Protein backbone atom coordinates (compact mmCIF):
# COMPACT_ATOMS: atom_id res chain seq x y z
CA MET A 1 -6.11 -3.77 1.66
CA VAL A 2 -5.78 -5.75 -1.55
CA ASN A 3 -2.43 -7.40 -2.47
CA ASP A 4 -0.87 -5.70 0.56
CA LYS A 5 -1.80 -2.27 -0.92
CA MET A 6 -4.29 0.30 0.29
CA CYS A 7 -7.35 0.10 -1.91
CA VAL A 8 -10.68 0.98 -0.26
CA GLY A 9 -11.75 2.09 3.17
CA VAL A 10 -14.73 3.53 4.99
CA GLU A 11 -14.54 6.64 7.12
CA SER A 12 -17.75 7.97 8.74
CA GLU A 13 -20.15 8.85 5.88
CA ARG A 14 -17.71 8.47 3.03
CA MET A 15 -15.58 5.90 1.26
CA MET A 16 -11.85 6.35 0.71
CA LEU A 17 -10.30 4.99 -2.50
CA ARG A 18 -6.85 4.76 -3.95
CA ILE A 19 -7.21 5.59 -7.61
CA ASP A 20 -4.95 6.18 -10.62
CA PRO A 21 -3.36 9.63 -10.16
CA ALA A 22 -3.69 10.17 -13.95
CA LYS A 23 -7.48 10.05 -13.52
CA TYR A 24 -7.53 12.20 -10.40
CA GLU A 25 -8.53 15.59 -11.94
CA ALA A 26 -11.35 14.05 -14.05
CA LEU A 27 -12.75 12.18 -11.06
CA MET A 28 -12.72 15.37 -8.93
CA GLU A 29 -15.42 16.66 -11.29
CA MET A 30 -17.80 13.79 -10.34
CA GLU A 31 -20.58 14.31 -7.87
CA GLY A 32 -19.59 13.49 -4.26
CA CYS A 33 -15.91 13.04 -5.02
CA ASN A 34 -13.56 15.04 -2.88
CA PRO A 35 -9.82 15.20 -2.29
CA MET A 36 -8.54 12.92 0.49
CA ASP A 37 -7.18 15.23 3.19
CA PHE A 38 -7.23 12.76 6.08
CA THR A 39 -3.79 13.88 7.31
CA GLY A 40 -4.57 17.63 6.69
CA ARG A 41 -2.71 17.46 3.39
CA VAL A 42 -4.35 16.50 0.08
CA MET A 43 -3.02 13.21 -1.24
CA LYS A 44 -3.32 13.00 -5.07
CA GLY A 45 -4.34 9.51 -6.03
CA TYR A 46 -6.64 9.14 -3.02
CA VAL A 47 -10.22 10.38 -2.91
CA PHE A 48 -13.22 10.44 -0.61
CA VAL A 49 -16.65 9.66 -2.11
CA ASP A 50 -19.73 10.68 -0.13
CA ALA A 51 -21.99 7.79 0.89
CA ALA A 52 -25.01 9.70 -0.49
CA VAL A 53 -23.87 9.19 -4.08
CA LEU A 54 -23.23 5.48 -3.60
CA ASN A 55 -26.93 4.78 -3.53
CA THR A 56 -27.00 2.12 -6.26
CA LYS A 57 -25.01 -1.03 -6.84
CA LYS A 58 -23.88 0.31 -10.21
CA LYS A 59 -22.44 3.49 -8.64
CA LEU A 60 -20.70 1.61 -5.86
CA GLU A 61 -19.23 -0.86 -8.31
CA PHE A 62 -17.95 1.97 -10.51
CA TRP A 63 -15.86 3.36 -7.70
CA ILE A 64 -14.71 -0.03 -6.33
CA ASN A 65 -13.67 -1.07 -9.81
CA LEU A 66 -11.58 2.09 -10.27
CA ALA A 67 -9.70 1.27 -7.07
CA LEU A 68 -9.22 -2.38 -8.04
CA GLU A 69 -7.98 -1.41 -11.52
CA TYR A 70 -5.33 0.83 -10.06
CA ASN A 71 -4.46 -1.65 -7.33
CA ALA A 72 -3.31 -4.11 -10.02
CA ILE A 73 -0.55 -1.71 -11.17
CA ALA A 74 0.10 0.31 -7.99
CA LYS A 75 3.34 -0.08 -6.13
CA THR A 76 3.24 -1.40 -2.63
CA SER A 77 4.03 0.99 0.19
CA LYS A 78 7.43 0.57 1.73
CA LYS A 79 7.24 -1.12 5.05
CA LYS A 80 8.60 0.79 7.98
CA LYS A 81 11.60 -0.82 9.66
CA LYS A 82 11.05 -1.76 13.31
């Protein structure tokens, strides 16, 4: 979480990122990038990136920076009422 917004996470052998939905289709073409279907439904604006392609600092920083760029303009999720 960054600024109370989902940004980056790790799940097994892949990283989950919240990215700009406008960049979603282009990023899907990149090696190791897959749709996030954690709930069984694809969520546009969220992707999984396989750990195998994050094998250099430059590659890891590329993906983290994409998530941080979008985080700066992303809306916060509505909090559930208790």
